[in-house]
């Protein structure tokens, strides 16, 4: 088990549908710790950096246009095995096929308009967090709820 961070974006469709509070609530209820939060309009440069793996795909321009159309909400979350935990909470990419109980499974129907982005792996998470957050915008703090979320041996590891 490893304590780490991951990036989450509430996409323009999630913002338009008023799901920001619901999404944050689900991560908090799971026991994850919010360590960064901001609303921003992603520039073309930031979007090119964010979606670098899609730069040669036919939908790249449309994806950037959609993601830069209105503000998004960017978050950094912390916890044990946070990347796979968040991805499970988010659900599979195609909303109508996503698992019931996941964010996309409960609120999504589309593949393109799937409400939320979650980092694929720890390397992507580190890169994505750096795109939208400065070090001064990320916080380290003790969460008093950790004592009822994690076992003592997990807490000892978390504090290191």
N, C-alpha and C. Protein backbone atom coordinates (compact mmCIF):
# COMPACT_ATOMS: atom_id res chain seq x y z
N UNK A 1 0.83 -1.18 0.00
CA UNK A 1 0.00 0.00 0.00
C UNK A 1 0.88 1.24 0.00
N UNK A 2 0.47 2.23 -0.75
CA UNK A 2 1.28 3.43 -0.85
C UNK A 2 0.40 4.67 -0.82
N UNK A 3 0.82 5.65 -0.04
CA UNK A 3 0.12 6.94 -0.02
C UNK A 3 0.66 7.78 -1.15
N UNK A 4 -0.24 8.33 -1.94
CA UNK A 4 0.17 9.15 -3.07
C UNK A 4 -0.94 10.12 -3.43
N UNK A 5 -0.74 10.81 -4.54
CA UNK A 5 -1.71 11.80 -5.00
C UNK A 5 -2.15 11.48 -6.42
N UNK A 6 -3.32 11.98 -6.76
CA UNK A 6 -3.83 11.85 -8.12
C UNK A 6 -4.58 13.10 -8.51
N UNK A 7 -4.70 13.29 -9.82
CA UNK A 7 -5.42 14.44 -10.37
C UNK A 7 -6.82 14.03 -10.81
N UNK A 8 -7.77 14.92 -10.59
CA UNK A 8 -9.15 14.74 -11.03
C UNK A 8 -9.60 16.06 -11.63
N UNK A 9 -10.26 15.99 -12.78
CA UNK A 9 -10.89 17.17 -13.37
C UNK A 9 -12.37 16.92 -13.49
N UNK A 10 -13.18 17.88 -13.07
CA UNK A 10 -14.59 17.86 -13.42
C UNK A 10 -14.66 18.62 -14.73
N UNK A 11 -15.05 17.90 -15.78
CA UNK A 11 -15.06 18.44 -17.13
C UNK A 11 -16.21 19.44 -17.32
N UNK A 12 -16.20 20.16 -18.46
CA UNK A 12 -17.26 21.15 -18.69
C UNK A 12 -18.68 20.60 -18.54
N UNK A 13 -18.92 19.37 -18.97
CA UNK A 13 -20.27 18.81 -18.85
C UNK A 13 -20.63 18.55 -17.39
N UNK A 14 -19.67 18.16 -16.57
CA UNK A 14 -19.91 17.97 -15.13
C UNK A 14 -20.20 19.28 -14.44
N UNK A 15 -19.50 20.34 -14.85
CA UNK A 15 -19.75 21.68 -14.31
C UNK A 15 -21.15 22.15 -14.70
N UNK A 16 -21.49 22.00 -15.98
CA UNK A 16 -22.80 22.43 -16.47
C UNK A 16 -23.94 21.69 -15.77
N UNK A 17 -23.71 20.44 -15.41
CA UNK A 17 -24.76 19.63 -14.79
C UNK A 17 -24.80 19.79 -13.27
N UNK A 18 -23.93 20.60 -12.72
CA UNK A 18 -23.96 20.87 -11.28
C UNK A 18 -23.55 19.69 -10.42
N UNK A 19 -22.54 18.94 -10.87
CA UNK A 19 -22.14 17.72 -10.16
C UNK A 19 -20.87 17.87 -9.32
N UNK A 20 -20.33 19.07 -9.21
CA UNK A 20 -19.07 19.25 -8.50
C UNK A 20 -19.19 18.80 -7.03
N UNK A 21 -20.21 19.27 -6.35
CA UNK A 21 -20.40 18.90 -4.94
C UNK A 21 -20.58 17.40 -4.77
N UNK A 22 -21.37 16.78 -5.62
CA UNK A 22 -21.59 15.33 -5.57
C UNK A 22 -20.29 14.57 -5.76
N UNK A 23 -19.49 15.02 -6.71
CA UNK A 23 -18.21 14.34 -6.99
C UNK A 23 -17.26 14.48 -5.80
N UNK A 24 -17.11 15.68 -5.29
CA UNK A 24 -16.25 15.87 -4.11
C UNK A 24 -16.76 15.03 -2.95
N UNK A 25 -18.06 15.02 -2.75
CA UNK A 25 -18.67 14.26 -1.66
C UNK A 25 -18.30 12.77 -1.74
N UNK A 26 -18.32 12.20 -2.92
CA UNK A 26 -18.01 10.78 -3.08
C UNK A 26 -16.57 10.47 -2.69
N UNK A 27 -15.64 11.33 -3.10
CA UNK A 27 -14.23 11.11 -2.74
C UNK A 27 -14.02 11.29 -1.24
N UNK A 28 -14.66 12.30 -0.67
CA UNK A 28 -14.54 12.51 0.78
C UNK A 28 -15.15 11.35 1.55
N UNK A 29 -16.31 10.88 1.13
CA UNK A 29 -16.94 9.76 1.83
C UNK A 29 -16.09 8.49 1.76
N UNK A 30 -15.35 8.32 0.69
CA UNK A 30 -14.46 7.16 0.56
C UNK A 30 -13.31 7.25 1.55
N UNK A 31 -12.96 8.46 1.97
CA UNK A 31 -11.87 8.64 2.91
C UNK A 31 -10.63 9.27 2.30
N UNK A 32 -10.73 9.77 1.08
CA UNK A 32 -9.60 10.44 0.45
C UNK A 32 -9.49 11.87 0.96
N UNK A 33 -8.29 12.41 0.88
CA UNK A 33 -8.02 13.75 1.38
C UNK A 33 -7.81 14.72 0.22
N UNK A 34 -8.59 15.79 0.19
CA UNK A 34 -8.46 16.83 -0.83
C UNK A 34 -7.26 17.70 -0.46
N UNK A 35 -6.27 17.77 -1.35
CA UNK A 35 -5.06 18.55 -1.07
C UNK A 35 -4.86 19.70 -2.05
N UNK A 36 -5.74 19.80 -3.06
CA UNK A 36 -5.69 20.90 -4.01
C UNK A 36 -7.02 21.04 -4.72
N UNK A 37 -7.48 22.28 -4.90
CA UNK A 37 -8.77 22.52 -5.53
C UNK A 37 -8.76 23.90 -6.19
N UNK A 38 -9.16 23.96 -7.46
CA UNK A 38 -9.28 25.25 -8.13
C UNK A 38 -10.15 25.12 -9.37
N UNK A 39 -10.72 26.25 -9.75
CA UNK A 39 -11.50 26.35 -10.97
C UNK A 39 -10.65 27.15 -11.95
N UNK A 40 -10.55 26.68 -13.19
CA UNK A 40 -9.75 27.38 -14.17
C UNK A 40 -10.24 27.11 -15.58
N UNK A 41 -9.91 28.01 -16.46
CA UNK A 41 -10.14 27.82 -17.88
C UNK A 41 -8.82 27.33 -18.46
N UNK A 42 -8.82 26.12 -18.97
CA UNK A 42 -7.58 25.51 -19.47
C UNK A 42 -7.16 26.18 -20.78
N UNK A 43 -5.94 26.65 -20.84
CA UNK A 43 -5.40 27.25 -22.06
C UNK A 43 -5.10 26.15 -23.07
N UNK A 44 -4.93 26.54 -24.32
CA UNK A 44 -4.59 25.59 -25.38
C UNK A 44 -3.27 24.88 -25.04
N UNK A 45 -2.32 25.62 -24.50
CA UNK A 45 -1.02 25.05 -24.14
C UNK A 45 -1.18 23.99 -23.03
N UNK A 46 -1.93 24.33 -21.98
CA UNK A 46 -2.15 23.37 -20.90
C UNK A 46 -2.88 22.13 -21.41
N UNK A 47 -3.87 22.33 -22.28
CA UNK A 47 -4.61 21.19 -22.83
C UNK A 47 -3.72 20.32 -23.71
N UNK A 48 -2.82 20.93 -24.46
CA UNK A 48 -1.88 20.15 -25.27
C UNK A 48 -0.96 19.33 -24.39
N UNK A 49 -0.52 19.90 -23.29
CA UNK A 49 0.32 19.16 -22.33
C UNK A 49 -0.49 18.05 -21.65
N UNK A 50 -1.72 18.36 -21.27
CA UNK A 50 -2.56 17.41 -20.55
C UNK A 50 -2.87 16.18 -21.41
N UNK A 51 -3.23 16.42 -22.66
CA UNK A 51 -3.66 15.35 -23.57
C UNK A 51 -2.58 14.97 -24.58
N UNK A 52 -1.33 15.05 -24.17
CA UNK A 52 -0.20 14.79 -25.07
C UNK A 52 -0.30 13.40 -25.72
N UNK A 53 -0.86 12.43 -25.03
CA UNK A 53 -0.96 11.07 -25.59
C UNK A 53 -1.97 10.99 -26.73
N UNK A 54 -2.80 12.01 -26.89
CA UNK A 54 -3.82 12.02 -27.95
C UNK A 54 -3.47 12.96 -29.10
N UNK A 55 -2.27 13.56 -29.08
CA UNK A 55 -1.94 14.63 -30.03
C UNK A 55 -2.03 14.20 -31.49
N UNK A 56 -1.84 12.94 -31.80
CA UNK A 56 -1.88 12.48 -33.18
C UNK A 56 -3.21 11.84 -33.56
N UNK A 57 -4.19 11.90 -32.67
CA UNK A 57 -5.49 11.28 -32.92
C UNK A 57 -6.44 12.28 -33.57
N UNK A 58 -7.38 11.76 -34.33
CA UNK A 58 -8.29 12.61 -35.10
C UNK A 58 -9.17 13.50 -34.22
N UNK A 59 -9.44 13.08 -33.00
CA UNK A 59 -10.34 13.83 -32.11
C UNK A 59 -9.62 14.85 -31.24
N UNK A 60 -8.30 15.00 -31.39
CA UNK A 60 -7.52 15.86 -30.51
C UNK A 60 -8.02 17.31 -30.51
N UNK A 61 -8.25 17.89 -31.69
CA UNK A 61 -8.72 19.27 -31.77
C UNK A 61 -10.08 19.44 -31.13
N UNK A 62 -10.98 18.52 -31.37
CA UNK A 62 -12.32 18.58 -30.79
C UNK A 62 -12.26 18.43 -29.27
N UNK A 63 -11.40 17.55 -28.80
CA UNK A 63 -11.23 17.35 -27.36
C UNK A 63 -10.74 18.63 -26.69
N UNK A 64 -9.72 19.25 -27.27
CA UNK A 64 -9.20 20.50 -26.71
C UNK A 64 -10.25 21.61 -26.75
N UNK A 65 -11.00 21.67 -27.84
CA UNK A 65 -12.04 22.69 -27.97
C UNK A 65 -13.09 22.52 -26.87
N UNK A 66 -13.53 21.30 -26.65
CA UNK A 66 -14.52 21.02 -25.61
C UNK A 66 -13.97 21.35 -24.22
N UNK A 67 -12.77 20.87 -23.92
CA UNK A 67 -12.20 21.06 -22.59
C UNK A 67 -11.84 22.52 -22.32
N UNK A 68 -11.63 23.31 -23.36
CA UNK A 68 -11.31 24.73 -23.19
C UNK A 68 -12.51 25.64 -23.36
N UNK A 69 -13.70 25.05 -23.51
CA UNK A 69 -14.89 25.86 -23.81
C UNK A 69 -15.41 26.65 -22.61
N UNK A 70 -15.35 26.07 -21.44
CA UNK A 70 -15.75 26.74 -20.20
C UNK A 70 -14.82 26.25 -19.10
N UNK A 71 -14.87 26.85 -17.93
CA UNK A 71 -13.97 26.42 -16.85
C UNK A 71 -14.20 24.96 -16.44
N UNK A 72 -13.16 24.40 -15.89
CA UNK A 72 -13.21 23.06 -15.29
C UNK A 72 -12.84 23.22 -13.81
N UNK A 73 -13.07 22.18 -13.04
CA UNK A 73 -12.65 22.18 -11.64
C UNK A 73 -11.56 21.12 -11.52
N UNK A 74 -10.38 21.55 -11.08
CA UNK A 74 -9.24 20.66 -10.92
C UNK A 74 -9.05 20.35 -9.44
N UNK A 75 -8.75 19.08 -9.18
CA UNK A 75 -8.54 18.64 -7.80
C UNK A 75 -7.32 17.74 -7.72
N UNK A 76 -6.67 17.76 -6.58
CA UNK A 76 -5.63 16.79 -6.26
C UNK A 76 -6.09 16.08 -4.99
N UNK A 77 -6.10 14.75 -5.05
CA UNK A 77 -6.54 13.92 -3.93
C UNK A 77 -5.39 13.06 -3.45
N UNK A 78 -5.41 12.75 -2.16
CA UNK A 78 -4.34 11.97 -1.55
C UNK A 78 -4.94 10.81 -0.78
N UNK A 79 -4.22 9.70 -0.77
CA UNK A 79 -4.62 8.53 0.01
C UNK A 79 -3.85 7.31 -0.43
N UNK A 80 -4.05 6.22 0.26
CA UNK A 80 -3.42 4.96 -0.11
C UNK A 80 -3.99 4.47 -1.43
N UNK A 81 -3.12 4.00 -2.31
CA UNK A 81 -3.54 3.46 -3.61
C UNK A 81 -4.55 4.38 -4.28
N UNK A 82 -4.32 5.67 -4.18
CA UNK A 82 -5.30 6.67 -4.60
C UNK A 82 -5.65 6.59 -6.09
N UNK A 83 -4.70 6.27 -6.96
CA UNK A 83 -5.01 6.23 -8.40
C UNK A 83 -6.04 5.15 -8.70
N UNK A 84 -5.82 3.88 -8.32
CA UNK A 84 -6.85 2.88 -8.63
C UNK A 84 -8.15 3.09 -7.85
N UNK A 85 -8.07 3.63 -6.65
CA UNK A 85 -9.28 3.90 -5.87
C UNK A 85 -10.14 4.94 -6.59
N UNK A 86 -9.52 6.03 -7.04
CA UNK A 86 -10.26 7.08 -7.73
C UNK A 86 -10.82 6.56 -9.05
N UNK A 87 -10.03 5.80 -9.79
CA UNK A 87 -10.51 5.28 -11.07
C UNK A 87 -11.72 4.36 -10.89
N UNK A 88 -11.73 3.62 -9.81
CA UNK A 88 -12.89 2.76 -9.53
C UNK A 88 -14.12 3.62 -9.19
N UNK A 89 -13.92 4.66 -8.40
CA UNK A 89 -15.03 5.57 -8.07
C UNK A 89 -15.57 6.28 -9.31
N UNK A 90 -14.69 6.60 -10.25
CA UNK A 90 -15.07 7.31 -11.47
C UNK A 90 -15.83 6.38 -12.42
N UNK A 91 -15.37 5.15 -12.59
CA UNK A 91 -16.02 4.21 -13.50
C UNK A 91 -15.40 4.23 -14.89
N UNK A 92 -15.79 3.27 -15.71
CA UNK A 92 -15.25 3.15 -17.05
C UNK A 92 -15.63 4.34 -17.92
N UNK A 93 -14.89 4.55 -18.98
CA UNK A 93 -15.02 5.74 -19.82
C UNK A 93 -16.41 5.92 -20.42
N UNK A 94 -17.01 4.87 -20.91
CA UNK A 94 -18.34 4.96 -21.53
C UNK A 94 -19.39 4.99 -20.42
N UNK A 95 -19.98 6.15 -20.24
CA UNK A 95 -20.90 6.36 -19.13
C UNK A 95 -22.03 5.35 -19.04
N UNK A 96 -22.66 5.02 -20.16
CA UNK A 96 -23.80 4.11 -20.12
C UNK A 96 -23.41 2.68 -19.82
N UNK A 97 -22.13 2.36 -19.93
CA UNK A 97 -21.65 1.02 -19.60
C UNK A 97 -20.91 0.98 -18.26
N UNK A 98 -20.72 2.14 -17.65
CA UNK A 98 -19.97 2.21 -16.39
C UNK A 98 -20.73 1.54 -15.26
N UNK A 99 -19.99 1.07 -14.31
CA UNK A 99 -20.52 0.34 -13.18
C UNK A 99 -21.49 1.19 -12.36
N UNK A 100 -22.64 0.61 -12.01
CA UNK A 100 -23.59 1.28 -11.12
C UNK A 100 -22.86 1.61 -9.82
N UNK A 101 -23.10 2.79 -9.30
CA UNK A 101 -22.43 3.23 -8.08
C UNK A 101 -21.21 4.09 -8.37
N UNK A 102 -20.66 4.00 -9.58
CA UNK A 102 -19.56 4.88 -9.95
C UNK A 102 -20.13 6.22 -10.40
N UNK A 103 -19.29 7.24 -10.48
CA UNK A 103 -19.75 8.56 -10.89
C UNK A 103 -20.31 8.51 -12.31
N UNK A 104 -19.54 7.91 -13.23
CA UNK A 104 -20.03 7.83 -14.61
C UNK A 104 -21.23 6.88 -14.72
N UNK A 105 -21.22 5.80 -13.94
CA UNK A 105 -22.33 4.85 -13.97
C UNK A 105 -23.62 5.45 -13.47
N UNK A 106 -23.53 6.34 -12.51
CA UNK A 106 -24.74 6.96 -11.95
C UNK A 106 -25.19 8.19 -12.72
N UNK A 107 -24.27 8.90 -13.39
CA UNK A 107 -24.63 10.18 -13.99
C UNK A 107 -24.33 10.29 -15.48
N UNK A 108 -23.63 9.33 -16.08
CA UNK A 108 -23.19 9.49 -17.46
C UNK A 108 -23.85 8.56 -18.45
N UNK A 109 -23.90 9.00 -19.69
CA UNK A 109 -24.41 8.18 -20.79
C UNK A 109 -23.41 8.13 -21.95
N UNK A 110 -22.57 9.13 -22.07
CA UNK A 110 -21.72 9.31 -23.24
C UNK A 110 -20.29 8.86 -22.97
N UNK A 111 -19.54 8.66 -24.05
CA UNK A 111 -18.10 8.41 -23.92
C UNK A 111 -17.37 9.75 -23.93
N UNK A 112 -17.80 10.67 -24.79
CA UNK A 112 -17.14 11.97 -24.86
C UNK A 112 -17.54 12.85 -23.68
N UNK A 113 -18.81 12.89 -23.37
CA UNK A 113 -19.28 13.70 -22.26
C UNK A 113 -19.41 12.80 -21.03
N UNK A 114 -18.25 12.46 -20.47
CA UNK A 114 -18.23 11.51 -19.36
C UNK A 114 -17.89 12.16 -18.01
N UNK A 115 -18.09 13.46 -17.93
CA UNK A 115 -18.13 14.23 -16.68
C UNK A 115 -16.81 14.50 -15.98
N UNK A 116 -15.88 13.55 -16.02
CA UNK A 116 -14.76 13.61 -15.10
C UNK A 116 -13.52 12.96 -15.71
N UNK A 117 -12.37 13.45 -15.33
CA UNK A 117 -11.10 12.83 -15.70
C UNK A 117 -10.40 12.40 -14.43
N UNK A 118 -9.78 11.23 -14.47
CA UNK A 118 -8.94 10.76 -13.37
C UNK A 118 -7.64 10.22 -13.95
N UNK A 119 -6.54 10.52 -13.31
CA UNK A 119 -5.23 10.06 -13.79
C UNK A 119 -5.21 8.55 -13.96
N UNK A 120 -4.51 8.10 -15.01
CA UNK A 120 -4.42 6.67 -15.34
C UNK A 120 -3.44 5.92 -14.46
N UNK A 121 -2.38 6.60 -14.04
CA UNK A 121 -1.33 5.95 -13.26
C UNK A 121 -0.58 7.01 -12.47
N UNK A 122 0.33 6.58 -11.62
CA UNK A 122 1.05 7.51 -10.74
C UNK A 122 1.91 8.50 -11.53
N UNK A 123 2.51 8.06 -12.63
CA UNK A 123 3.34 8.95 -13.44
C UNK A 123 2.48 10.04 -14.07
N UNK A 124 1.33 9.65 -14.66
CA UNK A 124 0.42 10.65 -15.23
C UNK A 124 -0.10 11.59 -14.15
N UNK A 125 -0.40 11.04 -12.98
CA UNK A 125 -0.93 11.87 -11.89
C UNK A 125 0.06 12.98 -11.52
N UNK A 126 1.31 12.63 -11.39
CA UNK A 126 2.33 13.63 -11.05
C UNK A 126 2.44 14.70 -12.13
N UNK A 127 2.44 14.27 -13.40
CA UNK A 127 2.53 15.20 -14.53
C UNK A 127 1.30 16.10 -14.59
N UNK A 128 0.11 15.51 -14.44
CA UNK A 128 -1.13 16.28 -14.54
C UNK A 128 -1.29 17.27 -13.39
N UNK A 129 -0.94 16.85 -12.19
CA UNK A 129 -1.02 17.77 -11.05
C UNK A 129 -0.12 18.98 -11.29
N UNK A 130 1.07 18.75 -11.83
CA UNK A 130 2.01 19.85 -12.10
C UNK A 130 1.50 20.80 -13.19
N UNK A 131 0.65 20.32 -14.08
CA UNK A 131 0.11 21.18 -15.14
C UNK A 131 -0.86 22.21 -14.56
N UNK A 132 -1.65 21.82 -13.57
CA UNK A 132 -2.69 22.73 -13.08
C UNK A 132 -2.43 23.34 -11.70
N UNK A 133 -1.48 22.78 -10.95
CA UNK A 133 -1.23 23.30 -9.61
C UNK A 133 0.24 23.67 -9.44
N UNK A 134 0.49 24.81 -8.80
CA UNK A 134 1.84 25.13 -8.35
C UNK A 134 2.05 24.41 -7.01
N UNK A 135 3.27 24.30 -6.58
CA UNK A 135 3.54 23.67 -5.27
C UNK A 135 2.83 24.40 -4.14
N UNK A 136 2.71 25.71 -4.25
CA UNK A 136 2.06 26.51 -3.21
C UNK A 136 0.55 26.27 -3.15
N UNK A 137 -0.01 25.67 -4.19
CA UNK A 137 -1.46 25.40 -4.23
C UNK A 137 -1.81 24.00 -3.76
N UNK A 138 -0.80 23.23 -3.35
CA UNK A 138 -1.01 21.87 -2.83
C UNK A 138 -0.68 21.87 -1.35
N UNK A 139 -1.50 21.21 -0.56
CA UNK A 139 -1.38 21.32 0.89
C UNK A 139 -1.11 19.98 1.55
N UNK A 140 -0.26 20.03 2.57
CA UNK A 140 0.00 18.89 3.44
C UNK A 140 -0.62 19.22 4.78
N UNK A 141 -1.47 18.34 5.27
CA UNK A 141 -2.09 18.56 6.57
C UNK A 141 -2.55 17.23 7.12
N UNK A 142 -2.76 17.21 8.42
CA UNK A 142 -3.27 16.01 9.08
C UNK A 142 -4.79 16.08 9.05
N UNK A 143 -5.37 15.00 8.61
CA UNK A 143 -6.82 14.89 8.59
C UNK A 143 -7.24 14.10 9.83
N UNK A 144 -8.02 14.70 10.71
CA UNK A 144 -8.40 14.04 11.95
C UNK A 144 -9.22 12.77 11.69
N UNK A 145 -9.85 12.68 10.53
CA UNK A 145 -10.63 11.49 10.18
C UNK A 145 -9.75 10.29 9.85
N UNK A 146 -8.46 10.51 9.58
CA UNK A 146 -7.58 9.40 9.24
C UNK A 146 -7.61 8.30 10.30
N UNK A 147 -7.78 8.67 11.55
CA UNK A 147 -7.78 7.69 12.65
C UNK A 147 -8.94 6.70 12.56
N UNK A 148 -10.00 7.07 11.85
CA UNK A 148 -11.13 6.14 11.70
C UNK A 148 -11.25 5.63 10.26
N UNK A 149 -10.31 6.01 9.42
CA UNK A 149 -10.29 5.54 8.03
C UNK A 149 -9.22 4.47 7.85
N UNK A 150 -8.07 4.67 8.49
CA UNK A 150 -6.94 3.77 8.34
C UNK A 150 -6.63 3.07 9.66
N UNK A 151 -6.11 1.85 9.57
CA UNK A 151 -5.61 1.12 10.73
C UNK A 151 -4.32 1.78 11.23
N UNK A 152 -3.94 1.50 12.47
CA UNK A 152 -2.75 2.13 13.06
C UNK A 152 -1.50 1.93 12.20
N UNK A 153 -1.28 0.71 11.70
CA UNK A 153 -0.07 0.47 10.90
C UNK A 153 -0.12 1.26 9.59
N UNK A 154 -1.31 1.50 9.04
CA UNK A 154 -1.44 2.31 7.84
C UNK A 154 -1.16 3.78 8.15
N UNK A 155 -1.63 4.24 9.31
CA UNK A 155 -1.38 5.61 9.72
C UNK A 155 0.11 5.86 9.91
N UNK A 156 0.81 4.90 10.51
CA UNK A 156 2.24 5.05 10.71
C UNK A 156 2.95 5.22 9.37
N UNK A 157 2.55 4.45 8.37
CA UNK A 157 3.14 4.54 7.03
C UNK A 157 2.76 5.86 6.38
N UNK A 158 1.53 6.28 6.58
CA UNK A 158 1.04 7.52 5.97
C UNK A 158 1.81 8.73 6.46
N UNK A 159 2.23 8.72 7.72
CA UNK A 159 2.93 9.85 8.32
C UNK A 159 4.38 9.96 7.87
N UNK A 160 4.92 8.91 7.25
CA UNK A 160 6.33 8.92 6.82
C UNK A 160 6.52 9.65 5.53
